[in-house]
All heavy atoms as atom14 arrays in JSON, in Angstrom:
{
  "sequence": "RLGIKLGFGERTVEEICLENGVNCDTFLLIANVYATEGYVPSPG",
  "atom14_mask": [
    [1, 1, 1, 1, 1, 1, 1, 1, 1, 1, 1, 0, 0, 0],
    [1, 1, 1, 1, 1, 1, 1, 1, 0, 0, 0, 0, 0, 0],
    [1, 1, 1, 1, 0, 0, 0, 0, 0, 0, 0, 0, 0, 0],
    [1, 1, 1, 1, 1, 1, 1, 1, 0, 0, 0, 0, 0, 0],
    [1, 1, 1, 1, 1, 1, 1, 1, 1, 0, 0, 0, 0, 0],
    [1, 1, 1, 1, 1, 1, 1, 1, 0, 0, 0, 0, 0, 0],
    [1, 1, 1, 1, 0, 0, 0, 0, 0, 0, 0, 0, 0, 0],
    [1, 1, 1, 1, 1, 1, 1, 1, 1, 1, 1, 0, 0, 0],
    [1, 1, 1, 1, 0, 0, 0, 0, 0, 0, 0, 0, 0, 0],
    [1, 1, 1, 1, 1, 1, 1, 1, 1, 0, 0, 0, 0, 0],
    [1, 1, 1, 1, 1, 1, 1, 1, 1, 1, 1, 0, 0, 0],
    [1, 1, 1, 1, 1, 1, 1, 0, 0, 0, 0, 0, 0, 0],
    [1, 1, 1, 1, 1, 1, 1, 0, 0, 0, 0, 0, 0, 0],
    [1, 1, 1, 1, 1, 1, 1, 1, 1, 0, 0, 0, 0, 0],
    [1, 1, 1, 1, 1, 1, 1, 1, 1, 0, 0, 0, 0, 0],
    [1, 1, 1, 1, 1, 1, 1, 1, 0, 0, 0, 0, 0, 0],
    [1, 1, 1, 1, 1, 1, 0, 0, 0, 0, 0, 0, 0, 0],
    [1, 1, 1, 1, 1, 1, 1, 1, 0, 0, 0, 0, 0, 0],
    [1, 1, 1, 1, 1, 1, 1, 1, 1, 0, 0, 0, 0, 0],
    [1, 1, 1, 1, 1, 1, 1, 1, 0, 0, 0, 0, 0, 0],
    [1, 1, 1, 1, 0, 0, 0, 0, 0, 0, 0, 0, 0, 0],
    [1, 1, 1, 1, 1, 1, 1, 0, 0, 0, 0, 0, 0, 0],
    [1, 1, 1, 1, 1, 1, 1, 1, 0, 0, 0, 0, 0, 0],
    [1, 1, 1, 1, 1, 1, 0, 0, 0, 0, 0, 0, 0, 0],
    [1, 1, 1, 1, 1, 1, 1, 1, 0, 0, 0, 0, 0, 0],
    [1, 1, 1, 1, 1, 1, 1, 0, 0, 0, 0, 0, 0, 0],
    [1, 1, 1, 1, 1, 1, 1, 1, 1, 1, 1, 0, 0, 0],
    [1, 1, 1, 1, 1, 1, 1, 1, 0, 0, 0, 0, 0, 0],
    [1, 1, 1, 1, 1, 1, 1, 1, 0, 0, 0, 0, 0, 0],
    [1, 1, 1, 1, 1, 1, 1, 1, 0, 0, 0, 0, 0, 0],
    [1, 1, 1, 1, 1, 0, 0, 0, 0, 0, 0, 0, 0, 0],
    [1, 1, 1, 1, 1, 1, 1, 1, 0, 0, 0, 0, 0, 0],
    [1, 1, 1, 1, 1, 1, 1, 0, 0, 0, 0, 0, 0, 0],
    [1, 1, 1, 1, 1, 1, 1, 1, 1, 1, 1, 1, 0, 0],
    [1, 1, 1, 1, 1, 0, 0, 0, 0, 0, 0, 0, 0, 0],
    [1, 1, 1, 1, 1, 1, 1, 0, 0, 0, 0, 0, 0, 0],
    [1, 1, 1, 1, 1, 1, 1, 1, 1, 0, 0, 0, 0, 0],
    [1, 1, 1, 1, 0, 0, 0, 0, 0, 0, 0, 0, 0, 0],
    [1, 1, 1, 1, 1, 1, 1, 1, 1, 1, 1, 1, 0, 0],
    [1, 1, 1, 1, 1, 1, 1, 0, 0, 0, 0, 0, 0, 0],
    [1, 1, 1, 1, 1, 1, 1, 0, 0, 0, 0, 0, 0, 0],
    [1, 1, 1, 1, 1, 1, 0, 0, 0, 0, 0, 0, 0, 0],
    [1, 1, 1, 1, 1, 1, 1, 0, 0, 0, 0, 0, 0, 0],
    [1, 1, 1, 1, 0, 0, 0, 0, 0, 0, 0, 0, 0, 0]
  ],
  "atom14_positions": [
    [[100.33, -50.54, 52.78], [99.57, -49.5, 52.07], [100.46, -48.43, 51.44], [100.05, -47.72, 50.53], [98.57, -48.87, 53.02], [97.5, -49.84, 53.48], [96.69, -49.29, 54.63], [96.16, -50.41, 55.47], [95.52, -50.21, 56.56], [95.29, -49.01, 57.04], [95.1, -51.24, 57.25], [0.0, 0.0, 0.0], [0.0, 0.0, 0.0], [0.0, 0.0, 0.0]],
    [[101.69, -48.33, 51.95], [102.63, -47.38, 51.35], [103.47, -48.02, 50.25], [104.34, -47.39, 49.68], [103.55, -46.82, 52.42], [102.9, -45.83, 53.41], [103.82, -45.55, 54.58], [102.53, -44.53, 52.67], [0.0, 0.0, 0.0], [0.0, 0.0, 0.0], [0.0, 0.0, 0.0], [0.0, 0.0, 0.0], [0.0, 0.0, 0.0], [0.0, 0.0, 0.0]],
    [[103.2, -49.31, 49.96], [103.93, -50.02, 48.95], [105.34, -50.44, 49.33], [106.17, -50.72, 48.47], [0.0, 0.0, 0.0], [0.0, 0.0, 0.0], [0.0, 0.0, 0.0], [0.0, 0.0, 0.0], [0.0, 0.0, 0.0], [0.0, 0.0, 0.0], [0.0, 0.0, 0.0], [0.0, 0.0, 0.0], [0.0, 0.0, 0.0], [0.0, 0.0, 0.0]],
    [[105.59, -50.54, 50.65], [106.93, -50.95, 51.14], [106.87, -52.45, 51.49], [106.07, -52.88, 52.29], [107.34, -50.14, 52.39], [107.39, -48.65, 52.05], [108.66, -50.62, 52.93], [107.65, -47.75, 53.27], [0.0, 0.0, 0.0], [0.0, 0.0, 0.0], [0.0, 0.0, 0.0], [0.0, 0.0, 0.0], [0.0, 0.0, 0.0], [0.0, 0.0, 0.0]],
    [[107.79, -53.22, 50.86], [107.82, -54.64, 51.05], [108.82, -55.03, 52.15], [109.74, -54.24, 52.45], [108.13, -55.36, 49.75], [107.09, -55.12, 48.66], [107.36, -55.94, 47.42], [106.33, -55.71, 46.35], [104.96, -56.1, 46.76], [0.0, 0.0, 0.0], [0.0, 0.0, 0.0], [0.0, 0.0, 0.0], [0.0, 0.0, 0.0], [0.0, 0.0, 0.0]],
    [[108.69, -56.25, 52.66], [109.55, -56.72, 53.69], [110.96, -57.08, 53.1], [111.11, -57.18, 51.89], [108.99, -57.97, 54.38], [107.61, -57.8, 55.04], [107.13, -59.13, 55.58], [107.67, -56.75, 56.11], [0.0, 0.0, 0.0], [0.0, 0.0, 0.0], [0.0, 0.0, 0.0], [0.0, 0.0, 0.0], [0.0, 0.0, 0.0], [0.0, 0.0, 0.0]],
    [[111.92, -57.28, 54.01], [113.29, -57.58, 53.58], [114.17, -56.37, 53.8], [114.85, -55.93, 52.85], [0.0, 0.0, 0.0], [0.0, 0.0, 0.0], [0.0, 0.0, 0.0], [0.0, 0.0, 0.0], [0.0, 0.0, 0.0], [0.0, 0.0, 0.0], [0.0, 0.0, 0.0], [0.0, 0.0, 0.0], [0.0, 0.0, 0.0], [0.0, 0.0, 0.0]],
    [[114.16, -55.84, 55.03], [114.82, -54.54, 55.26], [116.31, -54.66, 55.55], [117.04, -53.69, 55.46], [114.17, -53.84, 56.45], [112.7, -53.76, 56.39], [111.92, -54.3, 57.37], [112.07, -53.16, 55.3], [110.53, -54.23, 57.3], [110.67, -53.12, 55.22], [109.93, -53.64, 56.2], [0.0, 0.0, 0.0], [0.0, 0.0, 0.0], [0.0, 0.0, 0.0]],
    [[116.77, -55.84, 55.96], [118.14, -55.97, 56.39], [118.38, -55.09, 57.61], [117.58, -55.02, 58.52], [0.0, 0.0, 0.0], [0.0, 0.0, 0.0], [0.0, 0.0, 0.0], [0.0, 0.0, 0.0], [0.0, 0.0, 0.0], [0.0, 0.0, 0.0], [0.0, 0.0, 0.0], [0.0, 0.0, 0.0], [0.0, 0.0, 0.0], [0.0, 0.0, 0.0]],
    [[119.48, -54.36, 57.58], [119.83, -53.47, 58.67], [119.56, -52.0, 58.34], [119.99, -51.1, 59.04], [121.35, -53.63, 59.01], [121.73, -55.04, 59.46], [120.98, -55.5, 60.72], [120.91, -54.67, 61.66], [120.46, -56.61, 60.73], [0.0, 0.0, 0.0], [0.0, 0.0, 0.0], [0.0, 0.0, 0.0], [0.0, 0.0, 0.0], [0.0, 0.0, 0.0]],
    [[118.79, -51.76, 57.26], [118.57, -50.39, 56.82], [117.62, -49.62, 57.74], [116.74, -50.2, 58.38], [118.09, -50.37, 55.38], [119.06, -50.95, 54.41], [118.71, -50.69, 52.95], [117.5, -51.33, 52.54], [117.37, -52.64, 52.26], [118.41, -53.46, 52.41], [116.24, -53.13, 51.87], [0.0, 0.0, 0.0], [0.0, 0.0, 0.0], [0.0, 0.0, 0.0]],
    [[117.83, -48.31, 57.8], [117.01, -47.47, 58.7], [115.66, -47.13, 58.07], [115.42, -47.36, 56.87], [117.76, -46.15, 59.0], [117.89, -45.41, 57.77], [119.15, -46.45, 59.58], [0.0, 0.0, 0.0], [0.0, 0.0, 0.0], [0.0, 0.0, 0.0], [0.0, 0.0, 0.0], [0.0, 0.0, 0.0], [0.0, 0.0, 0.0], [0.0, 0.0, 0.0]],
    [[114.83, -46.55, 58.89], [113.51, -46.05, 58.45], [113.7, -45.06, 57.31], [113.04, -45.15, 56.28], [112.73, -45.38, 59.61], [111.52, -44.63, 59.1], [112.38, -46.42, 60.65], [0.0, 0.0, 0.0], [0.0, 0.0, 0.0], [0.0, 0.0, 0.0], [0.0, 0.0, 0.0], [0.0, 0.0, 0.0], [0.0, 0.0, 0.0], [0.0, 0.0, 0.0]],
    [[114.62, -44.15, 57.46], [114.85, -43.14, 56.44], [115.36, -43.75, 55.15], [114.9, -43.39, 54.03], [115.86, -42.12, 56.93], [116.04, -40.91, 56.01], [116.88, -39.8, 56.61], [117.75, -40.11, 57.42], [116.63, -38.62, 56.27], [0.0, 0.0, 0.0], [0.0, 0.0, 0.0], [0.0, 0.0, 0.0], [0.0, 0.0, 0.0], [0.0, 0.0, 0.0]],
    [[116.26, -44.72, 55.22], [116.78, -45.37, 54.03], [115.68, -46.14, 53.29], [115.59, -46.09, 52.05], [117.92, -46.34, 54.43], [119.18, -45.59, 54.83], [120.23, -46.53, 55.44], [119.83, -47.61, 55.97], [121.42, -46.18, 55.47], [0.0, 0.0, 0.0], [0.0, 0.0, 0.0], [0.0, 0.0, 0.0], [0.0, 0.0, 0.0], [0.0, 0.0, 0.0]],
    [[114.85, -46.86, 54.03], [113.77, -47.66, 53.42], [112.76, -46.72, 52.74], [112.3, -47.0, 51.63], [113.06, -48.51, 54.46], [114.01, -49.61, 54.98], [111.8, -49.16, 53.87], [114.49, -50.59, 53.92], [0.0, 0.0, 0.0], [0.0, 0.0, 0.0], [0.0, 0.0, 0.0], [0.0, 0.0, 0.0], [0.0, 0.0, 0.0], [0.0, 0.0, 0.0]],
    [[112.39, -45.59, 53.44], [111.47, -44.66, 52.82], [112.06, -44.06, 51.54], [111.36, -43.95, 50.52], [111.15, -43.53, 53.81], [110.05, -44.08, 55.17], [0.0, 0.0, 0.0], [0.0, 0.0, 0.0], [0.0, 0.0, 0.0], [0.0, 0.0, 0.0], [0.0, 0.0, 0.0], [0.0, 0.0, 0.0], [0.0, 0.0, 0.0], [0.0, 0.0, 0.0]],
    [[113.33, -43.71, 51.58], [113.97, -43.13, 50.38], [113.96, -44.13, 49.24], [113.7, -43.74, 48.09], [115.42, -42.72, 50.76], [116.21, -42.01, 49.66], [115.55, -40.68, 49.28], [117.64, -41.74, 50.11], [0.0, 0.0, 0.0], [0.0, 0.0, 0.0], [0.0, 0.0, 0.0], [0.0, 0.0, 0.0], [0.0, 0.0, 0.0], [0.0, 0.0, 0.0]],
    [[114.29, -45.37, 49.52], [114.32, -46.42, 48.48], [112.95, -46.59, 47.82], [112.86, -46.97, 46.63], [114.77, -47.74, 49.08], [116.26, -47.79, 49.42], [116.62, -49.1, 50.12], [115.8, -50.07, 50.06], [117.69, -49.16, 50.7], [0.0, 0.0, 0.0], [0.0, 0.0, 0.0], [0.0, 0.0, 0.0], [0.0, 0.0, 0.0], [0.0, 0.0, 0.0]],
    [[111.89, -46.39, 48.59], [110.53, -46.63, 48.11], [109.81, -45.36, 47.69], [108.61, -45.41, 47.39], [109.73, -47.36, 49.17], [110.15, -48.78, 49.36], [109.65, -49.69, 48.66], [111.08, -49.04, 50.28], [0.0, 0.0, 0.0], [0.0, 0.0, 0.0], [0.0, 0.0, 0.0], [0.0, 0.0, 0.0], [0.0, 0.0, 0.0], [0.0, 0.0, 0.0]],
    [[110.52, -44.23, 47.69], [109.89, -42.98, 47.25], [108.8, -42.47, 48.16], [107.83, -41.86, 47.7], [0.0, 0.0, 0.0], [0.0, 0.0, 0.0], [0.0, 0.0, 0.0], [0.0, 0.0, 0.0], [0.0, 0.0, 0.0], [0.0, 0.0, 0.0], [0.0, 0.0, 0.0], [0.0, 0.0, 0.0], [0.0, 0.0, 0.0], [0.0, 0.0, 0.0]],
    [[108.96, -42.74, 49.46], [107.97, -42.31, 50.46], [108.55, -41.21, 51.34], [109.69, -41.36, 51.84], [107.53, -43.49, 51.34], [106.58, -43.04, 52.47], [106.84, -44.58, 50.48], [0.0, 0.0, 0.0], [0.0, 0.0, 0.0], [0.0, 0.0, 0.0], [0.0, 0.0, 0.0], [0.0, 0.0, 0.0], [0.0, 0.0, 0.0], [0.0, 0.0, 0.0]],
    [[107.82, -40.12, 51.51], [108.3, -39.08, 52.38], [108.41, -39.63, 53.8], [107.41, -40.11, 54.41], [107.28, -37.91, 52.33], [107.64, -36.76, 53.25], [107.38, -36.84, 54.47], [108.2, -35.73, 52.7], [0.0, 0.0, 0.0], [0.0, 0.0, 0.0], [0.0, 0.0, 0.0], [0.0, 0.0, 0.0], [0.0, 0.0, 0.0], [0.0, 0.0, 0.0]],
    [[109.58, -39.55, 54.39], [109.83, -40.18, 55.71], [109.03, -39.52, 56.83], [108.53, -40.21, 57.73], [111.33, -40.13, 56.04], [111.81, -41.09, 57.48], [0.0, 0.0, 0.0], [0.0, 0.0, 0.0], [0.0, 0.0, 0.0], [0.0, 0.0, 0.0], [0.0, 0.0, 0.0], [0.0, 0.0, 0.0], [0.0, 0.0, 0.0], [0.0, 0.0, 0.0]],
    [[108.84, -38.2, 56.75], [108.07, -37.53, 57.79], [106.61, -37.96, 57.73], [105.97, -38.09, 58.8], [108.16, -36.02, 57.6], [109.59, -35.48, 57.9], [110.04, -35.65, 59.05], [110.21, -34.93, 56.99], [0.0, 0.0, 0.0], [0.0, 0.0, 0.0], [0.0, 0.0, 0.0], [0.0, 0.0, 0.0], [0.0, 0.0, 0.0], [0.0, 0.0, 0.0]],
    [[106.1, -38.23, 56.57], [104.76, -38.71, 56.4], [104.6, -40.1, 57.05], [103.65, -40.37, 57.76], [104.32, -38.76, 54.95], [104.58, -37.5, 54.3], [102.84, -39.11, 54.81], [0.0, 0.0, 0.0], [0.0, 0.0, 0.0], [0.0, 0.0, 0.0], [0.0, 0.0, 0.0], [0.0, 0.0, 0.0], [0.0, 0.0, 0.0], [0.0, 0.0, 0.0]],
    [[105.56, -40.96, 56.76], [105.56, -42.3, 57.34], [105.58, -42.23, 58.87], [104.82, -42.94, 59.54], [106.77, -43.1, 56.81], [106.95, -44.41, 57.61], [106.14, -45.5, 57.33], [107.89, -44.49, 58.59], [106.3, -46.67, 58.06], [108.06, -45.65, 59.29], [107.25, -46.76, 59.03], [0.0, 0.0, 0.0], [0.0, 0.0, 0.0], [0.0, 0.0, 0.0]],
    [[106.43, -41.38, 59.42], [106.55, -41.28, 60.87], [105.25, -40.74, 61.49], [104.87, -41.18, 62.58], [107.74, -40.39, 61.25], [109.11, -40.99, 61.01], [110.19, -39.96, 61.27], [109.33, -42.23, 61.84], [0.0, 0.0, 0.0], [0.0, 0.0, 0.0], [0.0, 0.0, 0.0], [0.0, 0.0, 0.0], [0.0, 0.0, 0.0], [0.0, 0.0, 0.0]],
    [[104.6, -39.81, 60.81], [103.3, -39.32, 61.32], [102.3, -40.46, 61.41], [101.65, -40.66, 62.44], [102.77, -38.22, 60.4], [103.28, -36.8, 60.6], [102.74, -35.89, 59.51], [102.83, -36.26, 61.95], [0.0, 0.0, 0.0], [0.0, 0.0, 0.0], [0.0, 0.0, 0.0], [0.0, 0.0, 0.0], [0.0, 0.0, 0.0], [0.0, 0.0, 0.0]],
    [[102.15, -41.21, 60.34], [101.19, -42.29, 60.31], [101.52, -43.37, 61.34], [100.66, -43.85, 62.11], [101.11, -42.93, 58.9], [100.63, -41.87, 57.87], [100.21, -44.15, 58.88], [100.79, -42.27, 56.44], [0.0, 0.0, 0.0], [0.0, 0.0, 0.0], [0.0, 0.0, 0.0], [0.0, 0.0, 0.0], [0.0, 0.0, 0.0], [0.0, 0.0, 0.0]],
    [[102.83, -43.72, 61.39], [103.28, -44.77, 62.32], [103.01, -44.38, 63.78], [102.61, -45.19, 64.61], [104.75, -45.07, 62.1], [0.0, 0.0, 0.0], [0.0, 0.0, 0.0], [0.0, 0.0, 0.0], [0.0, 0.0, 0.0], [0.0, 0.0, 0.0], [0.0, 0.0, 0.0], [0.0, 0.0, 0.0], [0.0, 0.0, 0.0], [0.0, 0.0, 0.0]],
    [[103.21, -43.09, 64.08], [103.05, -42.64, 65.47], [101.56, -42.65, 65.87], [101.21, -42.89, 67.04], [103.6, -41.23, 65.63], [105.06, -41.23, 66.02], [105.44, -41.86, 66.99], [105.89, -40.54, 65.24], [0.0, 0.0, 0.0], [0.0, 0.0, 0.0], [0.0, 0.0, 0.0], [0.0, 0.0, 0.0], [0.0, 0.0, 0.0], [0.0, 0.0, 0.0]],
    [[100.66, -42.41, 64.9], [99.23, -42.46, 65.24], [98.88, -43.9, 65.66], [98.1, -44.13, 66.58], [98.41, -42.05, 64.02], [96.91, -42.42, 64.21], [98.52, -40.53, 63.76], [0.0, 0.0, 0.0], [0.0, 0.0, 0.0], [0.0, 0.0, 0.0], [0.0, 0.0, 0.0], [0.0, 0.0, 0.0], [0.0, 0.0, 0.0], [0.0, 0.0, 0.0]],
    [[99.44, -44.9, 64.93], [99.17, -46.29, 65.26], [99.86, -46.73, 66.56], [99.27, -47.48, 67.34], [99.66, -47.21, 64.14], [98.65, -47.39, 63.04], [98.52, -46.45, 62.01], [97.77, -48.48, 63.0], [97.57, -46.58, 61.02], [96.84, -48.65, 62.02], [96.75, -47.69, 61.02], [95.82, -47.84, 60.04], [0.0, 0.0, 0.0], [0.0, 0.0, 0.0]],
    [[101.08, -46.28, 66.78], [101.87, -46.78, 67.89], [101.69, -46.08, 69.2], [102.0, -46.6, 70.27], [103.33, -46.82, 67.49], [0.0, 0.0, 0.0], [0.0, 0.0, 0.0], [0.0, 0.0, 0.0], [0.0, 0.0, 0.0], [0.0, 0.0, 0.0], [0.0, 0.0, 0.0], [0.0, 0.0, 0.0], [0.0, 0.0, 0.0], [0.0, 0.0, 0.0]],
    [[101.22, -44.82, 69.14], [101.16, -43.95, 70.34], [99.72, -43.52, 70.61], [99.14, -42.79, 69.83], [102.04, -42.73, 70.19], [103.35, -43.13, 69.76], [102.14, -41.94, 71.47], [0.0, 0.0, 0.0], [0.0, 0.0, 0.0], [0.0, 0.0, 0.0], [0.0, 0.0, 0.0], [0.0, 0.0, 0.0], [0.0, 0.0, 0.0], [0.0, 0.0, 0.0]],
    [[99.16, -44.0, 71.73], [97.78, -43.63, 72.07], [97.7, -42.13, 72.38], [98.54, -41.57, 73.11], [97.35, -44.41, 73.32], [95.87, -44.39, 73.53], [95.09, -45.09, 72.49], [95.58, -46.07, 71.92], [93.99, -44.64, 72.17], [0.0, 0.0, 0.0], [0.0, 0.0, 0.0], [0.0, 0.0, 0.0], [0.0, 0.0, 0.0], [0.0, 0.0, 0.0]],
    [[96.73, -41.47, 71.78], [96.56, -40.04, 71.98], [97.59, -39.18, 71.35], [97.82, -38.04, 71.76], [0.0, 0.0, 0.0], [0.0, 0.0, 0.0], [0.0, 0.0, 0.0], [0.0, 0.0, 0.0], [0.0, 0.0, 0.0], [0.0, 0.0, 0.0], [0.0, 0.0, 0.0], [0.0, 0.0, 0.0], [0.0, 0.0, 0.0], [0.0, 0.0, 0.0]],
    [[98.23, -39.7, 70.31], [99.31, -38.96, 69.66], [98.81, -37.69, 69.01], [97.82, -37.67, 68.3], [99.98, -39.83, 68.58], [101.04, -39.13, 67.78], [102.25, -38.77, 68.33], [100.81, -38.88, 66.41], [103.22, -38.15, 67.57], [101.77, -38.23, 65.65], [102.98, -37.88, 66.22], [103.93, -37.24, 65.49], [0.0, 0.0, 0.0], [0.0, 0.0, 0.0]],
    [[99.52, -36.59, 69.32], [99.2, -35.29, 68.69], [100.46, -34.81, 67.94], [101.48, -34.5, 68.57], [98.81, -34.26, 69.73], [98.51, -32.9, 69.09], [97.59, -34.71, 70.54], [0.0, 0.0, 0.0], [0.0, 0.0, 0.0], [0.0, 0.0, 0.0], [0.0, 0.0, 0.0], [0.0, 0.0, 0.0], [0.0, 0.0, 0.0], [0.0, 0.0, 0.0]],
    [[100.43, -34.77, 66.63], [101.61, -34.41, 65.87], [101.96, -32.94, 66.0], [101.07, -32.09, 66.21], [101.22, -34.7, 64.42], [99.73, -34.65, 64.39], [99.29, -35.12, 65.74], [0.0, 0.0, 0.0], [0.0, 0.0, 0.0], [0.0, 0.0, 0.0], [0.0, 0.0, 0.0], [0.0, 0.0, 0.0], [0.0, 0.0, 0.0], [0.0, 0.0, 0.0]],
    [[103.25, -32.65, 65.97], [103.69, -31.26, 66.08], [103.43, -30.52, 64.76], [103.45, -31.15, 63.7], [105.19, -31.21, 66.41], [105.95, -31.64, 65.29], [0.0, 0.0, 0.0], [0.0, 0.0, 0.0], [0.0, 0.0, 0.0], [0.0, 0.0, 0.0], [0.0, 0.0, 0.0], [0.0, 0.0, 0.0], [0.0, 0.0, 0.0], [0.0, 0.0, 0.0]],
    [[103.19, -29.21, 64.84], [103.0, -28.42, 63.6], [104.17, -28.54, 62.63], [104.0, -28.61, 61.44], [102.89, -26.99, 64.11], [102.35, -27.15, 65.51], [103.01, -28.39, 66.03], [0.0, 0.0, 0.0], [0.0, 0.0, 0.0], [0.0, 0.0, 0.0], [0.0, 0.0, 0.0], [0.0, 0.0, 0.0], [0.0, 0.0, 0.0], [0.0, 0.0, 0.0]],
    [[105.37, -28.64, 63.22], [106.58, -28.78, 62.35], [106.6, -30.03, 61.53], [106.95, -30.05, 60.38], [0.0, 0.0, 0.0], [0.0, 0.0, 0.0], [0.0, 0.0, 0.0], [0.0, 0.0, 0.0], [0.0, 0.0, 0.0], [0.0, 0.0, 0.0], [0.0, 0.0, 0.0], [0.0, 0.0, 0.0], [0.0, 0.0, 0.0], [0.0, 0.0, 0.0]]
  ]
}
């Protein structure tokens, strides 16, 4: 849904987000909602 395709190699989350023009903090927020039950994001 963020338009990121497979084929990451050894690149990091931040590198993949940067390559695809996606704000990395936004990706981590969304990913944590899916991966962590009862996740409450920090104000920061």
